[in-house]
Amino acid sequence: MSDFDLVHDSEAAATFVTAFRAQFPALAAGRSDTALRDDGTHICVDDLPEGGDRLALTRIPARFADGGVTPDQPTAGAILALARSTVCAAASTP
């Protein structure tokens, strides 16, 4: 399995999805758990290792935009913090 798959399928990613749905219902509406797992995993496996917080915060709005709702920067920061505290733990991302 790839690092992406290991993180994506982790309990930490499931926790991310549950918390994301609770904290950001407008962004979660109509999105599958798999899509949210994908997005959370990309933050930890791709964005943070490639460019740290700056890159992650640049990519989060487009990554999580859905149904005409795009996260603003404070929301992007909150999504990043959520990912760090959940799914990134499975990725061992600093």
Foldseek 3Di string as FASTA:
>chain_A
DDLLVQLLPDVLLVVLLVVCCVPPVVLCPPPDSSLSSNLLSCLQVPQCVVPRPVRQLVCQQVSSDDPNDGDDSVVSVVSSVSSVVGSNVSVVGD
